[in-house]
Amino acid sequence: MSEQPIDTVQPSDTPAIEIERDVMEYDVVTVGAGPAGLSFAIRLKQLNPEISVCVIEKSSTIGAHILSGAVIETGPLDALLPGWRDNPPPICVPATEDEFWLLSKTGGRKLPVPPGMNNHGNVIVSLGAMCAWLAPQAEALGVEIYPGFAAAETLHDADGRVAGVRIGDMGIAKDGSHKPGFTAGIDIRAKVTVFAEGARGHLTKRLIKRFKLDADSDPQGYSIGIKELWQVPEDRTTPGKIVHSFGWPADSHTYGGSFLYHLDKGRIALGYVSGLDYRDPDYKPWEAFQQWKNHPMVKPLLDGGNIVSAGARAIVTGGFQSLPKLEMPGALLIGDTAGLLNVPKIKGTHQAIRSGMLAADHLAGSQLSPQGFDAKLRGSEIMSELKKVRNVKPGFKRGLWFGMLNAAWETLTGGASPWTLKNKPDWSSLQKLGEAEKPKRDYLERSLAPRDRLAAVYFAATEHDEDQPVHLKVADTNVCVTRCAEEYGNPCTRFCPAGVYEIVEEAGAKRLQINAANCVHCKTCDIKDPYEIINWVTPEGGSGPNYQNL
């Protein structure tokens, strides 16, 4: 371990306060206990039990912040834990049949299932429950896992090399003063730090900028996925049935689609994905999801049922051309924080597990040196899978029907096109009010719960101490009530699925109100804000949603 001085990288508006801190040292610290981080830790301990590994996770319990469809390809899990089927995750339903729907407002028709969406041999899981199932298996190998501890800053040696992370302080009041229960966050130093933060990791974002990891790649792209878990009469469900749809309620210039997965015991996982490269400043992803639920082909399945849990999460969709460099001095990136999701398959878990195992193999064989990992991943099946589908999602930027034809071409040729379509940042696609023809919103009357976004927040069970610093940093709130109000009509009040952003009027003047306690940590605001002035930073450890089987 280097004995050089340590500095930190913090949000620019956070003053540096010298506090005496406890220090813990490990060979490896992993940030994030999702499928990538836990698979990495398990694999590394399998290869070398003598390496000390620590995993830190900002959620209150393992899996509480995990939200995904999720249908997974089992090959990487078979390689990681060959006997896992003898003790499967709590929710694990073999896929039995696939359907692919094109919807109109009043009906729809079934289309042939695209080859990438054929789920024969796959299983439907709750990814949150699966991570909670993976954690004790990692601990049995000697991995130390600490939920409720948020990595707030990165530590760096004097030469800039990543030297670990600093856990966020606990017990700071909204005004910055120390409350009676104040506890200084500890420094966790390590020979190598592995970032597995998921889509739009807040530390990863800073490291990409600091080390210019995206110098040779396109900007990353994202969607927002909004999901609910329902309990319905058991005779309505067909365990293992998988349905995807596109079309209504999205217009032809908005990338969107749904998933509907029949679990066991009368449970249904359903959700709606909206590409964050949408143009219309009036588009509301959460309301689009609620509209889809009330469609005649969906509503009868849910009517009379009950919501068990609900939430939202950014999904990384840039793919091959948006992949940043995955290594830097002292650290590397894996899983969704690296950007490995396969968009046409709507799957990233198998890629996350693969990347975690590959990172473990690399570090075990390189005496914990990150150098060479980027080249190893780019030469692996992870990258070849992304390359084959690199042009599918960007094709939809030209409209639904061009996107469908392009997707068919790329599928038929196995991605052998001699071109690679470019990605642009999602915030740049938003058109100004009146700039283009407004799409027709032929919405239905809604009768299914929840009645509004705040009611949905209840089902996310999100918790934040209201007397803590606001973790949504807006660089200039004057922009919100001047330029943004005039040019875009404050789209943050529409794209946030949790009602965090609100324009209120007091004494004849308007101001932005941030209801930070509602936040479900989806990161949409950090991605879609057209002025790039919203910066999502981690709140106190243990804050945020407490998802149940999402």
Protein backbone atom coordinates (compact mmCIF):
# COMPACT_ATOMS: atom_id res chain seq x y z
CA MET A 1 0.00 0.00 0.00
CA SER A 2 1.35 3.39 -0.98
CA GLU A 3 2.31 5.69 1.86
CA GLN A 4 1.85 8.79 -0.30
CA PRO A 5 -0.57 11.49 0.81
CA ILE A 6 -4.20 10.94 -0.03
CA ASP A 7 -6.48 13.51 -1.61
CA THR A 8 -10.13 13.23 -2.54
CA VAL A 9 -12.40 14.16 -5.41
CA GLN A 10 -15.60 15.79 -4.20
CA PRO A 11 -18.58 17.59 -5.74
CA SER A 12 -17.36 21.06 -6.67
CA ASP A 13 -19.71 22.82 -4.24
CA THR A 14 -18.71 20.72 -1.24
CA PRO A 15 -16.19 22.48 1.01
CA ALA A 16 -13.19 20.43 2.13
CA ILE A 17 -13.24 20.03 5.91
CA GLU A 18 -10.33 18.37 7.64
CA ILE A 19 -11.69 15.66 9.92
CA GLU A 20 -9.77 12.88 11.60
CA ARG A 21 -10.95 9.66 10.00
CA ASP A 22 -10.55 5.98 10.66
CA VAL A 23 -8.85 4.02 7.91
CA MET A 24 -9.47 0.47 6.72
CA GLU A 25 -7.15 -1.21 4.24
CA TYR A 26 -7.89 -4.03 1.82
CA ASP A 27 -6.31 -5.46 -1.26
CA VAL A 28 -9.50 -4.69 -3.21
CA VAL A 29 -12.53 -2.50 -2.52
CA THR A 30 -15.61 -2.88 -4.72
CA VAL A 31 -18.16 -0.08 -4.93
CA GLY A 32 -21.62 -1.54 -5.48
CA ALA A 33 -23.21 -4.86 -4.50
CA GLY A 34 -25.08 -5.48 -7.73
CA PRO A 35 -24.56 -8.54 -9.94
CA ALA A 36 -21.26 -7.23 -11.33
CA GLY A 37 -19.70 -6.31 -7.98
CA LEU A 38 -20.78 -9.49 -6.19
CA SER A 39 -19.78 -11.76 -9.08
CA PHE A 40 -16.39 -10.08 -9.17
CA ALA A 41 -15.87 -10.57 -5.43
CA ILE A 42 -16.96 -14.22 -5.55
CA ARG A 43 -14.73 -15.03 -8.51
CA LEU A 44 -11.69 -13.28 -7.05
CA LYS A 45 -12.01 -15.20 -3.78
CA GLN A 46 -12.47 -18.46 -5.70
CA LEU A 47 -9.21 -17.77 -7.54
CA ASN A 48 -7.20 -16.53 -4.55
CA PRO A 49 -8.67 -16.80 -1.04
CA GLU A 50 -5.74 -14.82 0.37
CA ILE A 51 -6.79 -11.57 -1.34
CA SER A 52 -8.77 -9.35 1.03
CA VAL A 53 -11.94 -8.03 -0.62
CA CYS A 54 -14.45 -5.49 0.68
CA VAL A 55 -17.76 -4.60 -1.00
CA ILE A 56 -19.58 -1.44 0.03
CA GLU A 57 -23.18 -0.71 -0.90
CA LYS A 58 -25.13 2.51 -0.40
CA SER A 59 -28.54 0.87 0.08
CA SER A 60 -29.81 -0.10 3.52
CA THR A 61 -29.75 -3.82 2.64
CA ILE A 62 -28.30 -5.75 -0.26
CA GLY A 63 -30.72 -5.59 -3.18
CA ALA A 64 -32.79 -2.66 -1.87
CA HIS A 65 -31.66 -0.37 -4.73
CA ILE A 66 -31.63 -3.05 -7.43
CA LEU A 67 -34.30 -2.77 -10.11
CA SER A 68 -34.36 -4.70 -13.36
CA GLY A 69 -36.78 -6.68 -15.53
CA ALA A 70 -35.19 -9.26 -15.21
CA VAL A 71 -34.84 -12.18 -17.57
CA ILE A 72 -31.29 -13.49 -17.43
CA GLU A 73 -29.14 -15.73 -19.58
CA THR A 74 -27.76 -18.35 -17.22
CA GLY A 75 -24.44 -19.20 -18.91
CA PRO A 76 -22.27 -16.76 -16.90
CA LEU A 77 -24.02 -17.75 -13.64
CA ASP A 78 -23.40 -21.42 -14.47
CA ALA A 79 -19.70 -20.62 -14.85
CA LEU A 80 -19.56 -18.64 -11.61
CA LEU A 81 -21.60 -20.98 -9.39
CA PRO A 82 -22.01 -24.36 -11.17
CA GLY A 83 -24.35 -25.77 -8.51
CA TRP A 84 -26.62 -22.74 -8.18
CA ARG A 85 -29.72 -24.61 -9.37
CA ASP A 86 -29.59 -26.77 -6.24
CA ASN A 87 -30.21 -23.61 -4.21
CA PRO A 88 -31.70 -21.06 -6.63
CA PRO A 89 -32.60 -17.42 -5.90
CA PRO A 90 -35.94 -16.86 -4.10
CA ILE A 91 -37.67 -15.84 -7.35
CA CYS A 92 -36.45 -17.91 -10.27
CA VAL A 93 -39.00 -18.96 -12.90
CA PRO A 94 -37.90 -20.76 -16.09
CA ALA A 95 -39.01 -18.96 -19.26
CA THR A 96 -41.77 -20.90 -21.02
CA GLU A 97 -43.04 -18.72 -23.88
CA ASP A 98 -42.41 -15.36 -25.57
CA GLU A 99 -44.82 -12.88 -27.14
CA PHE A 100 -44.05 -9.64 -28.97
CA TRP A 101 -46.87 -7.11 -29.39
CA LEU A 102 -47.37 -4.02 -31.53
CA LEU A 103 -49.94 -1.85 -29.76
CA SER A 104 -52.38 0.78 -30.94
CA LYS A 105 -54.59 2.78 -28.59
CA THR A 106 -57.44 0.28 -28.65
CA GLY A 107 -55.78 -3.03 -29.52
CA GLY A 108 -52.73 -4.69 -30.91
CA ARG A 109 -51.37 -7.68 -32.72
CA LYS A 110 -48.74 -10.27 -32.06
CA LEU A 111 -45.65 -10.17 -34.24
CA PRO A 112 -42.91 -12.78 -34.71
CA VAL A 113 -40.52 -12.70 -31.76
CA PRO A 114 -37.15 -11.16 -32.77
CA PRO A 115 -34.28 -13.66 -32.46
CA GLY A 116 -32.58 -11.65 -29.71
CA MET A 117 -35.74 -11.80 -27.61
CA ASN A 118 -36.07 -15.59 -27.71
CA ASN A 119 -35.77 -16.54 -24.05
CA HIS A 120 -35.68 -20.33 -24.33
CA GLY A 121 -33.37 -21.56 -21.56
CA ASN A 122 -33.44 -18.28 -19.65
CA VAL A 123 -34.99 -17.60 -16.24
CA ILE A 124 -37.06 -14.74 -14.84
CA VAL A 125 -35.70 -13.45 -11.54
CA SER A 126 -36.01 -10.57 -9.15
CA LEU A 127 -32.55 -9.09 -9.55
CA GLY A 128 -32.78 -7.48 -6.11
CA ALA A 129 -33.57 -10.85 -4.52
CA MET A 130 -30.84 -12.46 -6.60
CA CYS A 131 -28.24 -10.02 -5.28
CA ALA A 132 -29.43 -10.65 -1.71
CA TRP A 133 -28.94 -14.36 -2.51
CA LEU A 134 -25.44 -13.82 -3.95
CA ALA A 135 -24.18 -11.77 -0.98
CA PRO A 136 -24.00 -14.56 1.64
CA GLN A 137 -22.24 -16.78 -0.90
CA ALA A 138 -19.59 -14.08 -1.26
CA GLU A 139 -19.35 -13.74 2.53
CA ALA A 140 -18.90 -17.49 2.90
CA LEU A 141 -15.75 -17.12 0.80
CA GLY A 142 -14.44 -14.36 3.07
CA VAL A 143 -15.68 -11.24 1.29
CA GLU A 144 -16.61 -8.43 3.69
CA ILE A 145 -19.85 -6.71 2.63
CA TYR A 146 -21.07 -3.46 4.17
CA PRO A 147 -24.55 -2.25 3.19
CA GLY A 148 -25.64 1.20 4.30
CA PHE A 149 -22.25 2.77 3.51
CA ALA A 150 -22.20 5.17 0.57
CA ALA A 151 -18.92 5.88 -1.22
CA ALA A 152 -19.07 9.67 -1.44
CA GLU A 153 -15.61 10.47 -2.80
CA THR A 154 -12.62 8.78 -4.38
CA LEU A 155 -9.22 8.80 -2.73
CA HIS A 156 -6.10 9.49 -4.76
CA ASP A 157 -2.37 9.24 -4.20
CA ALA A 158 -0.20 12.28 -4.85
CA ASP A 159 0.34 11.10 -8.42
CA GLY A 160 -3.44 10.93 -9.02
CA ARG A 161 -3.77 7.17 -8.85
CA VAL A 162 -7.05 5.93 -7.34
CA ALA A 163 -6.29 4.72 -3.83
CA GLY A 164 -9.75 3.80 -2.53
CA VAL A 165 -12.92 5.59 -1.47
CA ARG A 166 -14.21 7.72 1.37
CA ILE A 167 -17.50 6.77 2.98
CA GLY A 168 -19.92 9.67 3.31
CA ASP A 169 -20.27 11.35 6.69
CA MET A 170 -23.39 10.54 8.69
CA GLY A 171 -25.30 13.08 10.78
CA ILE A 172 -24.82 16.29 8.81
CA ALA A 173 -27.75 18.71 8.95
CA LYS A 174 -29.19 20.41 5.91
CA ASP A 175 -27.35 23.63 6.82
CA GLY A 176 -24.03 21.76 6.94
CA SER A 177 -23.71 21.66 10.72
CA HIS A 178 -22.96 18.46 12.62
CA LYS A 179 -25.92 16.90 14.40
CA PRO A 180 -25.44 15.20 17.80
CA GLY A 181 -25.05 11.78 16.16
CA PHE A 182 -22.43 12.91 13.64
CA THR A 183 -20.05 10.17 12.49
CA ALA A 184 -17.16 10.87 10.18
CA GLY A 185 -17.00 8.56 7.16
CA ILE A 186 -14.04 6.21 7.11
CA ASP A 187 -11.41 6.00 4.39
CA ILE A 188 -11.20 2.61 2.71
CA ARG A 189 -7.86 2.31 1.00
CA ALA A 190 -7.02 -0.44 -1.42
CA LYS A 191 -4.45 -1.56 -3.94
CA VAL A 192 -7.19 -1.54 -6.57
CA THR A 193 -10.75 -0.16 -6.58
CA VAL A 194 -13.45 -1.77 -8.70
CA PHE A 195 -16.43 0.43 -9.59
CA ALA A 196 -19.67 -1.49 -10.07
CA GLU A 197 -22.10 1.35 -9.36
CA GLY A 198 -24.67 0.56 -12.04
CA ALA A 199 -25.91 2.98 -14.70
CA ARG A 200 -24.65 6.56 -14.31
CA GLY A 201 -22.50 5.86 -11.27
CA HIS A 202 -21.84 9.16 -9.54
CA LEU A 203 -18.19 8.40 -8.79
CA THR A 204 -17.65 6.81 -12.18
CA LYS A 205 -18.94 9.99 -13.84
CA ARG A 206 -16.25 12.03 -12.11
CA LEU A 207 -13.51 9.50 -12.84
CA ILE A 208 -14.40 9.40 -16.54
CA LYS A 209 -13.95 13.15 -16.63
CA ARG A 210 -10.77 13.18 -14.52
CA PHE A 211 -9.00 10.46 -16.50
CA LYS A 212 -10.60 11.36 -19.88
CA LEU A 213 -11.82 7.79 -20.22
CA ASP A 214 -14.35 8.80 -22.87
CA ALA A 215 -11.87 10.58 -25.14
CA ASP A 216 -12.22 7.91 -27.83
CA SER A 217 -15.90 7.00 -27.39
CA ASP A 218 -19.30 8.50 -28.12
CA PRO A 219 -21.33 10.00 -25.27
CA GLN A 220 -23.16 7.39 -23.21
CA GLY A 221 -26.89 6.90 -23.76
CA TYR A 222 -29.63 5.94 -21.32
CA SER A 223 -33.28 5.00 -20.95
CA ILE A 224 -35.47 5.17 -17.87
CA GLY A 225 -37.10 1.94 -16.79
CA ILE A 226 -40.14 2.19 -14.51
CA LYS A 227 -41.31 -1.04 -12.91
CA GLU A 228 -44.02 -2.41 -10.64
CA LEU A 229 -44.56 -5.79 -9.02
CA TRP A 230 -48.24 -6.82 -8.80
CA GLN A 231 -50.09 -9.53 -6.93
CA VAL A 232 -53.10 -10.82 -8.89
CA PRO A 233 -55.35 -13.89 -8.72
CA GLU A 234 -53.15 -16.86 -9.46
CA ASP A 235 -55.40 -18.26 -12.18
CA ARG A 236 -54.65 -15.20 -14.35
CA THR A 237 -50.95 -15.91 -14.61
CA THR A 238 -48.92 -18.30 -16.74
CA PRO A 239 -45.61 -18.70 -14.89
CA GLY A 240 -42.71 -18.21 -17.26
CA LYS A 241 -44.62 -16.23 -19.89
CA ILE A 242 -42.68 -13.23 -21.24
CA VAL A 243 -44.36 -10.41 -23.17
CA HIS A 244 -42.70 -7.37 -24.74
CA SER A 245 -44.49 -4.62 -26.62
CA PHE A 246 -43.79 -1.47 -28.59
CA GLY A 247 -45.92 1.19 -30.23
CA TRP A 248 -48.64 2.99 -28.24
CA PRO A 249 -48.44 5.05 -26.05
CA ALA A 250 -45.10 6.22 -27.49
CA ASP A 251 -45.22 8.29 -30.67
CA SER A 252 -43.06 7.25 -33.63
CA HIS A 253 -40.19 9.53 -32.57
CA THR A 254 -39.98 8.31 -28.97
CA TYR A 255 -38.10 5.09 -28.25
CA GLY A 256 -40.17 3.06 -25.82
CA GLY A 257 -41.54 -0.34 -25.00
CA SER A 258 -42.83 -2.54 -22.24
CA PHE A 259 -42.10 -5.80 -20.47
CA LEU A 260 -44.57 -8.06 -18.70
CA TYR A 261 -43.24 -11.16 -16.94
CA HIS A 262 -45.42 -13.81 -15.32
CA LEU A 263 -43.74 -15.01 -12.12
CA ASP A 264 -45.02 -17.66 -9.72
CA LYS A 265 -47.61 -17.37 -6.91
CA GLY A 266 -49.78 -14.89 -8.80
CA ARG A 267 -47.03 -12.30 -9.15
CA ILE A 268 -46.46 -10.21 -12.27
CA ALA A 269 -43.44 -7.99 -12.95
CA LEU A 270 -44.21 -5.25 -15.45
CA GLY A 271 -42.63 -2.06 -16.60
CA TYR A 272 -42.08 0.50 -19.31
CA VAL A 273 -38.81 1.75 -20.80
CA SER A 274 -38.50 5.21 -22.36
CA GLY A 275 -35.35 6.22 -24.21
CA LEU A 276 -33.93 9.39 -22.69
CA ASP A 277 -33.07 10.61 -26.16
CA TYR A 278 -36.72 11.63 -26.59
CA ARG A 279 -37.38 15.00 -28.23
CA ASP A 280 -40.68 16.23 -26.80
CA PRO A 281 -40.14 18.42 -23.69
CA ASP A 282 -43.71 17.59 -22.61
CA TYR A 283 -43.12 13.81 -22.59
CA LYS A 284 -43.78 12.13 -19.23
CA PRO A 285 -42.19 8.68 -18.87
CA TRP A 286 -44.10 7.76 -15.70
CA GLU A 287 -47.47 8.73 -17.20
CA ALA A 288 -46.64 6.77 -20.37
CA PHE A 289 -46.14 3.68 -18.21
CA GLN A 290 -49.46 4.22 -16.46
CA GLN A 291 -51.19 4.65 -19.81
CA TRP A 292 -49.73 1.37 -21.06
CA LYS A 293 -51.04 -0.42 -17.94
CA ASN A 294 -54.58 0.71 -18.81
CA HIS A 295 -54.37 -0.66 -22.38
CA PRO A 296 -57.14 -3.21 -23.19
CA MET A 297 -54.54 -6.00 -23.59
CA VAL A 298 -52.95 -5.32 -20.19
CA LYS A 299 -55.57 -3.92 -17.84
CA PRO A 300 -57.67 -7.14 -17.46
CA LEU A 301 -54.60 -8.88 -16.08
CA LEU A 302 -54.18 -6.29 -13.32
CA ASP A 303 -57.72 -5.19 -12.49
CA GLY A 304 -58.49 -6.02 -8.87
CA GLY A 305 -54.86 -6.81 -8.10
CA ASN A 306 -52.47 -4.97 -5.77
CA ILE A 307 -49.13 -3.27 -6.22
CA VAL A 308 -46.43 -4.83 -4.04
CA SER A 309 -43.46 -2.65 -4.97
CA ALA A 310 -42.58 0.04 -7.52
CA GLY A 311 -39.56 2.01 -8.62
CA ALA A 312 -37.47 3.46 -11.43
CA ARG A 313 -33.89 3.22 -12.66
CA ALA A 314 -31.73 4.52 -15.47
CA ILE A 315 -30.68 1.89 -18.01
CA VAL A 316 -27.42 2.28 -19.90
CA THR A 317 -27.99 1.93 -23.65
CA GLY A 318 -25.02 3.46 -25.49
CA GLY A 319 -23.40 0.10 -26.16
CA PHE A 320 -20.31 -0.56 -28.26
CA GLN A 321 -19.54 2.94 -29.51
CA SER A 322 -20.13 4.58 -26.11
CA LEU A 323 -17.92 2.26 -24.08
CA PRO A 324 -15.33 4.35 -22.19
CA LYS A 325 -11.86 3.12 -21.38
CA LEU A 326 -12.40 0.67 -18.51
CA GLU A 327 -9.15 1.03 -16.63
CA MET A 328 -7.28 3.85 -14.97
CA PRO A 329 -4.38 3.96 -12.50
CA GLY A 330 -5.59 2.05 -9.43
CA ALA A 331 -9.13 1.24 -10.63
CA LEU A 332 -11.38 -0.33 -13.23
CA LEU A 333 -15.04 -0.29 -14.30
CA ILE A 334 -17.39 -3.27 -14.70
CA GLY A 335 -21.06 -3.99 -15.36
CA ASP A 336 -23.60 -1.29 -16.13
CA THR A 337 -21.34 1.47 -14.85
CA ALA A 338 -19.07 0.52 -17.74
CA GLY A 339 -22.03 0.40 -20.16
CA LEU A 340 -22.31 -3.27 -21.12
CA LEU A 341 -26.07 -3.78 -21.53
CA ASN A 342 -27.28 -5.42 -24.76
CA VAL A 343 -30.18 -3.19 -25.84
CA PRO A 344 -31.98 -5.44 -28.37
CA LYS A 345 -31.93 -8.30 -25.87
CA ILE A 346 -32.96 -5.89 -23.06
CA LYS A 347 -30.43 -7.75 -20.93
CA GLY A 348 -27.37 -6.70 -18.98
CA THR A 349 -27.10 -9.12 -16.05
CA HIS A 350 -25.22 -11.80 -17.99
CA GLN A 351 -22.81 -9.11 -19.23
CA ALA A 352 -22.40 -7.77 -15.68
CA ILE A 353 -21.52 -11.22 -14.33
CA ARG A 354 -19.17 -11.88 -17.24
CA SER A 355 -17.36 -8.58 -16.75
CA GLY A 356 -17.02 -9.18 -13.01
CA MET A 357 -15.51 -12.61 -13.60
CA LEU A 358 -13.21 -11.26 -16.31
CA ALA A 359 -12.02 -8.48 -14.00
CA ALA A 360 -11.33 -11.02 -11.24
CA ASP A 361 -9.42 -13.26 -13.64
CA HIS A 362 -7.37 -10.29 -14.77
CA LEU A 363 -6.53 -8.96 -11.32
CA ALA A 364 -5.72 -12.41 -9.95
CA GLY A 365 -3.25 -12.92 -12.78
CA SER A 366 -1.72 -9.44 -12.79
CA GLN A 367 -0.85 -9.00 -9.11
CA LEU A 368 -3.84 -6.63 -8.80
CA SER A 369 -2.78 -4.34 -11.62
CA PRO A 370 -5.68 -2.84 -13.63
CA GLN A 371 -3.38 -2.31 -16.61
CA GLY A 372 -4.46 -4.40 -19.58
CA PHE A 373 -8.06 -4.98 -18.44
CA ASP A 374 -9.54 -2.68 -21.06
CA ALA A 375 -7.85 -4.58 -23.88
CA LYS A 376 -8.86 -7.92 -22.34
CA LEU A 377 -12.53 -6.96 -22.17
CA ARG A 378 -12.53 -5.53 -25.69
CA GLY A 379 -11.13 -8.83 -26.95
CA SER A 380 -13.75 -10.88 -25.12
CA GLU A 381 -17.21 -12.18 -26.00
CA ILE A 382 -18.64 -9.27 -24.01
CA MET A 383 -17.47 -6.82 -26.65
CA SER A 384 -18.25 -9.04 -29.61
CA GLU A 385 -21.85 -9.29 -28.40
CA LEU A 386 -22.10 -5.49 -28.15
CA LYS A 387 -20.50 -4.96 -31.55
CA LYS A 388 -23.10 -7.10 -33.34
CA VAL A 389 -25.95 -4.91 -32.08
CA ARG A 390 -24.18 -1.54 -32.06
CA ASN A 391 -26.41 0.04 -34.71
CA VAL A 392 -29.82 -1.13 -33.47
CA LYS A 393 -30.64 1.50 -30.83
CA PRO A 394 -29.14 4.49 -32.74
CA GLY A 395 -31.32 3.58 -35.74
CA PHE A 396 -34.44 4.49 -33.80
CA LYS A 397 -33.31 8.10 -33.61
CA ARG A 398 -34.69 8.40 -37.16
CA GLY A 399 -38.12 7.16 -36.15
CA LEU A 400 -39.88 3.92 -35.28
CA TRP A 401 -40.24 2.42 -38.74
CA PHE A 402 -36.71 3.22 -39.89
CA GLY A 403 -35.51 1.79 -36.59
CA MET A 404 -37.46 -1.44 -37.12
CA LEU A 405 -36.11 -1.89 -40.67
CA ASN A 406 -32.59 -1.11 -39.53
CA ALA A 407 -32.89 -3.57 -36.62
CA ALA A 408 -34.05 -6.27 -39.03
CA TRP A 409 -31.07 -5.56 -41.31
CA GLU A 410 -28.57 -5.62 -38.46
CA THR A 411 -30.07 -8.88 -37.18
CA LEU A 412 -29.94 -10.53 -40.62
CA THR A 413 -26.32 -9.48 -41.18
CA GLY A 414 -25.19 -10.22 -37.62
CA GLY A 415 -24.06 -6.62 -37.25
CA ALA A 416 -21.71 -6.87 -40.24
CA SER A 417 -22.60 -3.41 -41.59
CA PRO A 418 -19.43 -1.50 -42.56
CA TRP A 419 -20.64 1.52 -40.61
CA THR A 420 -21.20 2.40 -36.98
CA LEU A 421 -23.94 4.89 -36.17
CA LYS A 422 -23.05 7.66 -33.75
CA ASN A 423 -24.52 8.44 -30.33
CA LYS A 424 -25.15 11.93 -28.98
CA PRO A 425 -25.79 12.93 -25.36
CA ASP A 426 -29.43 12.45 -24.35
CA TRP A 427 -29.83 15.99 -23.03
CA SER A 428 -29.01 17.42 -26.47
CA SER A 429 -31.99 15.75 -28.18
CA LEU A 430 -34.63 17.74 -26.28
CA GLN A 431 -36.41 20.22 -28.55
CA LYS A 432 -37.53 23.59 -27.30
CA LEU A 433 -41.18 24.41 -26.82
CA GLY A 434 -42.82 25.10 -30.17
CA GLU A 435 -39.75 23.96 -32.10
CA ALA A 436 -41.52 20.99 -33.64
CA GLU A 437 -45.03 19.67 -34.11
CA LYS A 438 -46.40 18.33 -30.85
CA PRO A 439 -47.20 14.63 -30.94
CA LYS A 440 -50.79 13.59 -30.44
CA ARG A 441 -51.40 12.27 -26.93
CA ASP A 442 -54.35 9.93 -27.43
CA TYR A 443 -54.41 8.88 -23.80
CA LEU A 444 -56.92 6.63 -22.09
CA GLU A 445 -58.80 7.19 -18.88
CA ARG A 446 -56.71 5.72 -16.08
CA SER A 447 -58.28 3.71 -13.31
CA LEU A 448 -55.49 1.42 -12.12
CA ALA A 449 -53.36 2.42 -9.13
CA PRO A 450 -51.30 4.40 -8.37
CA ARG A 451 -53.19 7.65 -8.85
CA ASP A 452 -50.07 9.86 -9.15
CA ARG A 453 -46.30 9.89 -8.83
CA LEU A 454 -46.33 10.54 -5.09
CA ALA A 455 -48.49 7.47 -4.57
CA ALA A 456 -45.92 5.48 -6.56
CA VAL A 457 -43.16 6.76 -4.26
CA TYR A 458 -44.99 5.08 -1.38
CA PHE A 459 -44.55 1.70 -3.09
CA ALA A 460 -40.82 2.40 -3.49
CA ALA A 461 -40.59 2.72 0.33
CA THR A 462 -37.97 5.41 -0.17
CA GLU A 463 -36.54 7.00 2.97
CA HIS A 464 -34.27 10.00 3.46
CA ASP A 465 -33.64 11.99 6.62
CA GLU A 466 -35.12 15.32 5.60
CA ASP A 467 -32.54 17.15 7.71
CA GLN A 468 -29.57 16.20 5.56
CA PRO A 469 -27.95 18.15 2.72
CA VAL A 470 -29.93 17.97 -0.51
CA HIS A 471 -28.20 15.40 -2.71
CA LEU A 472 -29.51 16.91 -5.97
CA LYS A 473 -27.16 19.79 -6.68
CA VAL A 474 -28.47 22.42 -9.10
CA ALA A 475 -25.65 24.72 -10.15
CA ASP A 476 -27.85 27.73 -10.93
CA THR A 477 -31.49 27.66 -9.86
CA ASN A 478 -32.12 31.00 -11.60
CA VAL A 479 -31.92 29.13 -14.90
CA CYS A 480 -34.91 27.05 -13.80
CA VAL A 481 -37.31 29.99 -13.50
CA THR A 482 -35.95 31.97 -16.46
CA ARG A 483 -34.37 30.24 -19.48
CA CYS A 484 -35.61 26.73 -18.74
CA ALA A 485 -39.18 27.87 -18.05
CA GLU A 486 -39.23 29.79 -21.33
CA GLU A 487 -37.36 27.36 -23.55
CA TYR A 488 -38.44 23.95 -22.26
CA GLY A 489 -41.21 24.53 -19.72
CA ASN A 490 -39.23 22.91 -16.87
CA PRO A 491 -39.04 19.30 -18.13
CA CYS A 492 -37.57 18.15 -14.79
CA THR A 493 -41.11 18.37 -13.40
CA ARG A 494 -42.15 15.80 -16.02
CA PHE A 495 -39.22 13.41 -16.51
CA CYS A 496 -38.67 12.75 -12.80
CA PRO A 497 -40.85 9.75 -11.85
CA ALA A 498 -40.94 10.68 -8.17
CA GLY A 499 -42.10 14.31 -8.08
CA VAL A 500 -38.73 15.55 -6.81
CA TYR A 501 -38.72 18.76 -8.86
CA GLU A 502 -41.47 21.33 -8.43
CA ILE A 503 -41.84 24.96 -9.50
CA VAL A 504 -43.66 26.84 -6.76
CA GLU A 505 -44.80 30.44 -6.53
CA GLU A 506 -44.32 32.51 -3.39
CA ALA A 507 -45.07 36.22 -3.06
CA GLY A 508 -45.43 36.50 -6.82
CA ALA A 509 -42.04 34.93 -7.56
CA LYS A 510 -41.34 31.43 -8.83
CA ARG A 511 -38.61 29.17 -7.50
CA LEU A 512 -37.45 25.59 -7.84
CA GLN A 513 -38.37 23.35 -4.92
CA ILE A 514 -36.44 20.07 -4.61
CA ASN A 515 -38.33 17.39 -2.72
CA ALA A 516 -35.20 15.32 -2.20
CA ALA A 517 -36.88 12.92 0.24
CA ASN A 518 -38.93 11.52 -2.67
CA CYS A 519 -35.87 10.55 -4.74
CA VAL A 520 -35.67 6.92 -5.90
CA HIS A 521 -32.09 7.34 -7.20
CA CYS A 522 -33.00 6.76 -10.85
CA LYS A 523 -30.48 9.43 -12.05
CA THR A 524 -32.79 10.65 -14.85
CA CYS A 525 -32.34 14.30 -13.84
CA ASP A 526 -28.56 13.98 -13.99
CA ILE A 527 -28.89 12.63 -17.54
CA LYS A 528 -31.74 14.54 -19.22
CA ASP A 529 -31.43 18.08 -17.84
CA PRO A 530 -30.90 20.17 -21.01
CA TYR A 531 -28.51 22.58 -19.30
CA GLU A 532 -26.42 19.90 -17.53
CA ILE A 533 -26.68 21.78 -14.26
CA ILE A 534 -28.16 18.98 -12.13
CA ASN A 535 -25.60 16.83 -10.38
CA TRP A 536 -26.78 13.77 -8.46
CA VAL A 537 -24.53 12.97 -5.50
CA THR A 538 -25.03 10.26 -2.94
CA PRO A 539 -27.09 11.05 0.16
CA GLU A 540 -26.33 9.44 3.52
CA GLY A 541 -25.69 5.73 3.39
CA GLY A 542 -28.84 3.68 3.80
CA SER A 543 -31.03 6.37 2.25
CA GLY A 544 -33.21 5.86 -0.79
CA PRO A 545 -35.63 3.21 -1.96
CA ASN A 546 -36.21 -0.12 -0.26
CA TYR A 547 -37.41 -2.22 -3.16
CA GLN A 548 -39.10 -5.53 -2.50
CA ASN A 549 -38.33 -8.15 -5.15
CA LEU A 550 -37.83 -5.71 -8.03
